[in-house]
């Protein structure tokens, strides 16, 4: 079997134009999975988001505990060189990818964002949930892997 066939794809936030000054809180269940790859894609944005984070909780509806390393703009959200992943990276055609060891997290995760005032912003979030050794999570654990262009990859 191809390892990628053993993963569950979750559409956390469908690609859509989101109205100005809108708060998004999209929760997803990670039960029975050990790892996640969370992909945040940003299309035509009025401007960068004012909030962009992944939070966690033990029960459905409770995923509101901040995870510093998954809060864009937080000093703990950095790439492997120690450079902060900033809210400015949530602008047109940008992409942020988090690799998450779910064994260290609560069962429920949520994507949270707030769009700026003055126009719509298009973004989406997908999560790939999987088990086992399909991805080596030990390399650079707790840090982000920087990529070229407009994407950033983080391992937490």
C-alpha atoms as a PDB file:
ATOM      1  CA  UNK A   1       0.000   0.000   0.000  1.00  0.00           C
ATOM      2  CA  UNK A   2       1.128   3.561  -0.656  1.00  0.00           C
ATOM      3  CA  UNK A   3       1.546   5.260   2.749  1.00  0.00           C
ATOM      4  CA  UNK A   4      -0.520   8.271   1.718  1.00  0.00           C
ATOM      5  CA  UNK A   5      -3.513   5.962   1.171  1.00  0.00           C
ATOM      6  CA  UNK A   6      -3.607   5.321   4.906  1.00  0.00           C
ATOM      7  CA  UNK A   7      -4.564   8.881   5.802  1.00  0.00           C
ATOM      8  CA  UNK A   8      -7.875  10.645   6.374  1.00  0.00           C
ATOM      9  CA  UNK A   9      -8.374  13.986   4.623  1.00  0.00           C
ATOM     10  CA  UNK A  10     -10.475  16.489   6.577  1.00  0.00           C
ATOM     11  CA  UNK A  11     -11.748  19.690   4.988  1.00  0.00           C
ATOM     12  CA  UNK A  12     -11.557  21.917   8.048  1.00  0.00           C
ATOM     13  CA  UNK A  13     -12.474  25.136   6.239  1.00  0.00           C
ATOM     14  CA  UNK A  14     -13.672  24.932   2.652  1.00  0.00           C
ATOM     15  CA  UNK A  15     -12.117  27.284   0.087  1.00  0.00           C
ATOM     16  CA  UNK A  16     -14.322  30.343   0.188  1.00  0.00           C
ATOM     17  CA  UNK A  17     -14.365  34.116   0.190  1.00  0.00           C
ATOM     18  CA  UNK A  18     -14.909  35.072   3.838  1.00  0.00           C
ATOM     19  CA  UNK A  19     -16.496  38.419   4.645  1.00  0.00           C
ATOM     20  CA  UNK A  20     -14.546  41.233   6.305  1.00  0.00           C
ATOM     21  CA  UNK A  21     -14.196  41.163  10.099  1.00  0.00           C
ATOM     22  CA  UNK A  22     -15.352  37.518  10.288  1.00  0.00           C
ATOM     23  CA  UNK A  23     -14.207  35.189  13.048  1.00  0.00           C
ATOM     24  CA  UNK A  24     -13.772  31.545  11.995  1.00  0.00           C
ATOM     25  CA  UNK A  25     -13.623  28.659  14.469  1.00  0.00           C
ATOM     26  CA  UNK A  26     -13.574  25.310  12.634  1.00  0.00           C
ATOM     27  CA  UNK A  27     -13.069  22.281  14.891  1.00  0.00           C
ATOM     28  CA  UNK A  28     -12.085  18.752  13.847  1.00  0.00           C
ATOM     29  CA  UNK A  29     -11.743  15.430  15.681  1.00  0.00           C
ATOM     30  CA  UNK A  30      -8.355  13.682  15.643  1.00  0.00           C
ATOM     31  CA  UNK A  31      -9.431  10.524  17.536  1.00  0.00           C
ATOM     32  CA  UNK A  32      -7.433   7.384  16.694  1.00  0.00           C
ATOM     33  CA  UNK A  33      -4.727   9.240  14.765  1.00  0.00           C
ATOM     34  CA  UNK A  34      -1.109   9.873  15.782  1.00  0.00           C
ATOM     35  CA  UNK A  35      -0.054  12.594  13.340  1.00  0.00           C
ATOM     36  CA  UNK A  36      -1.544  15.434  11.329  1.00  0.00           C
ATOM     37  CA  UNK A  37      -0.461  17.669   8.507  1.00  0.00           C
ATOM     38  CA  UNK A  38      -2.507  20.880   8.579  1.00  0.00           C
ATOM     39  CA  UNK A  39      -2.402  22.926   5.383  1.00  0.00           C
ATOM     40  CA  UNK A  40      -3.527  26.565   5.439  1.00  0.00           C
ATOM     41  CA  UNK A  41      -3.857  28.077   1.964  1.00  0.00           C
ATOM     42  CA  UNK A  42      -4.459  31.753   1.376  1.00  0.00           C
ATOM     43  CA  UNK A  43      -5.905  33.014  -1.918  1.00  0.00           C
ATOM     44  CA  UNK A  44      -7.079  36.521  -2.761  1.00  0.00           C
ATOM     45  CA  UNK A  45      -6.815  38.247   0.592  1.00  0.00           C
ATOM     46  CA  UNK A  46      -7.915  41.790   1.401  1.00  0.00           C
ATOM     47  CA  UNK A  47      -4.906  41.771   3.705  1.00  0.00           C
ATOM     48  CA  UNK A  48      -3.190  39.354   6.086  1.00  0.00           C
ATOM     49  CA  UNK A  49      -5.364  37.835   8.822  1.00  0.00           C
ATOM     50  CA  UNK A  50      -5.410  39.502  12.234  1.00  0.00           C
ATOM     51  CA  UNK A  51      -5.626  36.080  13.951  1.00  0.00           C
ATOM     52  CA  UNK A  52      -4.476  32.677  12.666  1.00  0.00           C
ATOM     53  CA  UNK A  53      -4.038  29.720  15.012  1.00  0.00           C
ATOM     54  CA  UNK A  54      -4.733  26.101  15.868  1.00  0.00           C
ATOM     55  CA  UNK A  55      -6.204  25.507  19.347  1.00  0.00           C
ATOM     56  CA  UNK A  56      -7.051  22.303  21.223  1.00  0.00           C
ATOM     57  CA  UNK A  57      -9.521  20.788  23.681  1.00  0.00           C
ATOM     58  CA  UNK A  58     -10.449  17.410  25.188  1.00  0.00           C
ATOM     59  CA  UNK A  59     -14.153  17.474  24.284  1.00  0.00           C
ATOM     60  CA  UNK A  60     -16.155  18.594  21.279  1.00  0.00           C
ATOM     61  CA  UNK A  61     -16.767  22.334  21.420  1.00  0.00           C
ATOM     62  CA  UNK A  62     -13.886  22.931  23.850  1.00  0.00           C
ATOM     63  CA  UNK A  63     -10.957  23.420  21.447  1.00  0.00           C
ATOM     64  CA  UNK A  64     -10.042  26.876  22.712  1.00  0.00           C
ATOM     65  CA  UNK A  65      -6.720  26.245  24.483  1.00  0.00           C
ATOM     66  CA  UNK A  66      -3.931  28.054  22.661  1.00  0.00           C
ATOM     67  CA  UNK A  67      -0.946  26.142  21.260  1.00  0.00           C
ATOM     68  CA  UNK A  68       1.900  28.675  21.116  1.00  0.00           C
ATOM     69  CA  UNK A  69       3.834  26.853  18.383  1.00  0.00           C
ATOM     70  CA  UNK A  70       0.670  26.799  16.217  1.00  0.00           C
ATOM     71  CA  UNK A  71      -0.267  30.446  16.749  1.00  0.00           C
ATOM     72  CA  UNK A  72       0.973  32.477  13.787  1.00  0.00           C
ATOM     73  CA  UNK A  73       2.662  35.621  15.075  1.00  0.00           C
ATOM     74  CA  UNK A  74       3.531  34.064  18.475  1.00  0.00           C
ATOM     75  CA  UNK A  75       7.243  34.045  19.316  1.00  0.00           C
ATOM     76  CA  UNK A  76       7.087  30.210  19.660  1.00  0.00           C
ATOM     77  CA  UNK A  77       5.854  29.799  16.052  1.00  0.00           C
ATOM     78  CA  UNK A  78       9.200  29.751  14.250  1.00  0.00           C
ATOM     79  CA  UNK A  79      11.025  28.042  11.387  1.00  0.00           C
ATOM     80  CA  UNK A  80      14.150  25.896  11.818  1.00  0.00           C
ATOM     81  CA  UNK A  81      16.329  28.984  11.604  1.00  0.00           C
ATOM     82  CA  UNK A  82      14.405  30.599  14.464  1.00  0.00           C
ATOM     83  CA  UNK A  83      12.615  33.087  12.225  1.00  0.00           C
ATOM     84  CA  UNK A  84       9.078  33.913  13.332  1.00  0.00           C
ATOM     85  CA  UNK A  85       6.164  32.805  11.172  1.00  0.00           C
ATOM     86  CA  UNK A  86       4.251  36.088  11.013  1.00  0.00           C
ATOM     87  CA  UNK A  87       0.689  37.090  10.250  1.00  0.00           C
ATOM     88  CA  UNK A  88       2.060  38.825   7.138  1.00  0.00           C
ATOM     89  CA  UNK A  89       2.555  35.285   5.772  1.00  0.00           C
ATOM     90  CA  UNK A  90      -1.248  34.852   5.604  1.00  0.00           C
ATOM     91  CA  UNK A  91      -1.570  37.115   2.571  1.00  0.00           C
ATOM     92  CA  UNK A  92      -2.203  36.492  -1.157  1.00  0.00           C
ATOM     93  CA  UNK A  93      -1.038  33.086  -2.427  1.00  0.00           C
ATOM     94  CA  UNK A  94       0.705  32.157   0.823  1.00  0.00           C
ATOM     95  CA  UNK A  95       0.649  28.712   2.413  1.00  0.00           C
ATOM     96  CA  UNK A  96       1.502  27.513   5.924  1.00  0.00           C
ATOM     97  CA  UNK A  97       1.856  23.795   6.695  1.00  0.00           C
ATOM     98  CA  UNK A  98       2.035  22.409  10.228  1.00  0.00           C
ATOM     99  CA  UNK A  99       3.199  18.833  10.991  1.00  0.00           C
ATOM    100  CA  UNK A 100       1.629  17.934  14.349  1.00  0.00           C
ATOM    101  CA  UNK A 101       2.383  14.996  16.662  1.00  0.00           C
ATOM    102  CA  UNK A 102      -1.152  14.303  17.898  1.00  0.00           C
ATOM    103  CA  UNK A 103       0.129  12.078  20.718  1.00  0.00           C
ATOM    104  CA  UNK A 104       1.101  15.328  22.475  1.00  0.00           C
ATOM    105  CA  UNK A 105      -2.195  17.125  21.782  1.00  0.00           C
ATOM    106  CA  UNK A 106      -5.800  17.055  22.994  1.00  0.00           C
ATOM    107  CA  UNK A 107      -8.327  15.105  20.885  1.00  0.00           C
ATOM    108  CA  UNK A 108     -10.034  18.093  19.222  1.00  0.00           C
ATOM    109  CA  UNK A 109      -8.193  20.770  17.253  1.00  0.00           C
ATOM    110  CA  UNK A 110      -9.666  23.938  15.759  1.00  0.00           C
ATOM    111  CA  UNK A 111      -8.544  26.432  13.131  1.00  0.00           C
ATOM    112  CA  UNK A 112      -9.181  30.007  14.238  1.00  0.00           C
ATOM    113  CA  UNK A 113      -8.919  33.130  12.128  1.00  0.00           C
ATOM    114  CA  UNK A 114     -10.143  36.703  11.986  1.00  0.00           C
ATOM    115  CA  UNK A 115     -10.287  38.523   8.662  1.00  0.00           C
ATOM    116  CA  UNK A 116      -9.474  42.210   8.375  1.00  0.00           C
ATOM    117  CA  UNK A 117     -12.118  44.862   7.871  1.00  0.00           C
ATOM    118  CA  UNK A 118     -12.747  46.341   4.452  1.00  0.00           C
ATOM    119  CA  UNK A 119     -13.125  43.347   2.137  1.00  0.00           C
ATOM    120  CA  UNK A 120     -13.370  39.601   1.684  1.00  0.00           C
ATOM    121  CA  UNK A 121     -10.493  37.189   2.176  1.00  0.00           C
ATOM    122  CA  UNK A 122     -10.218  33.742   0.595  1.00  0.00           C
ATOM    123  CA  UNK A 123      -8.567  30.962   2.549  1.00  0.00           C
ATOM    124  CA  UNK A 124      -8.981  27.275   3.273  1.00  0.00           C
ATOM    125  CA  UNK A 125      -7.667  24.674   5.697  1.00  0.00           C
ATOM    126  CA  UNK A 126      -7.247  20.923   5.222  1.00  0.00           C
ATOM    127  CA  UNK A 127      -5.898  18.325   7.638  1.00  0.00           C
ATOM    128  CA  UNK A 128      -4.326  14.986   6.722  1.00  0.00           C
ATOM    129  CA  UNK A 129      -4.619  12.586   9.664  1.00  0.00           C
ATOM    130  CA  UNK A 130      -2.545   9.407   9.774  1.00  0.00           C
ATOM    131  CA  UNK A 131      -0.779   6.834  11.972  1.00  0.00           C
ATOM    132  CA  UNK A 132       2.521   5.049  12.141  1.00  0.00           C
ATOM    133  CA  UNK A 133       5.720   5.741  10.342  1.00  0.00           C
ATOM    134  CA  UNK A 134       4.352   7.377   7.210  1.00  0.00           C
ATOM    135  CA  UNK A 135       6.218  10.590   8.085  1.00  0.00           C
ATOM    136  CA  UNK A 136       9.310  10.927  10.282  1.00  0.00           C
ATOM    137  CA  UNK A 137       8.140  13.341  12.981  1.00  0.00           C
ATOM    138  CA  UNK A 138      11.441  13.214  14.925  1.00  0.00           C
ATOM    139  CA  UNK A 139      13.448  15.420  12.548  1.00  0.00           C
ATOM    140  CA  UNK A 140      13.409  19.044  13.685  1.00  0.00           C
ATOM    141  CA  UNK A 141      10.546  18.313  16.099  1.00  0.00           C
ATOM    142  CA  UNK A 142       9.309  21.473  17.744  1.00  0.00           C
ATOM    143  CA  UNK A 143      10.590  23.761  15.003  1.00  0.00           C
ATOM    144  CA  UNK A 144       9.430  24.848  11.598  1.00  0.00           C
ATOM    145  CA  UNK A 145      10.988  23.902   8.300  1.00  0.00           C
ATOM    146  CA  UNK A 146      11.317  26.959   6.120  1.00  0.00           C
ATOM    147  CA  UNK A 147      10.574  26.643   2.434  1.00  0.00           C
ATOM    148  CA  UNK A 148      11.240  28.968  -0.441  1.00  0.00           C
ATOM    149  CA  UNK A 149       8.643  31.251  -1.944  1.00  0.00           C
ATOM    150  CA  UNK A 150       5.460  31.941  -0.068  1.00  0.00           C
ATOM    151  CA  UNK A 151       5.194  28.753   1.995  1.00  0.00           C
ATOM    152  CA  UNK A 152       6.315  27.825   5.477  1.00  0.00           C
ATOM    153  CA  UNK A 153       6.385  24.336   7.014  1.00  0.00           C
ATOM    154  CA  UNK A 154       6.372  23.800  10.776  1.00  0.00           C
ATOM    155  CA  UNK A 155       6.931  20.616  12.817  1.00  0.00           C
ATOM    156  CA  UNK A 156       5.474  20.635  16.351  1.00  0.00           C
END
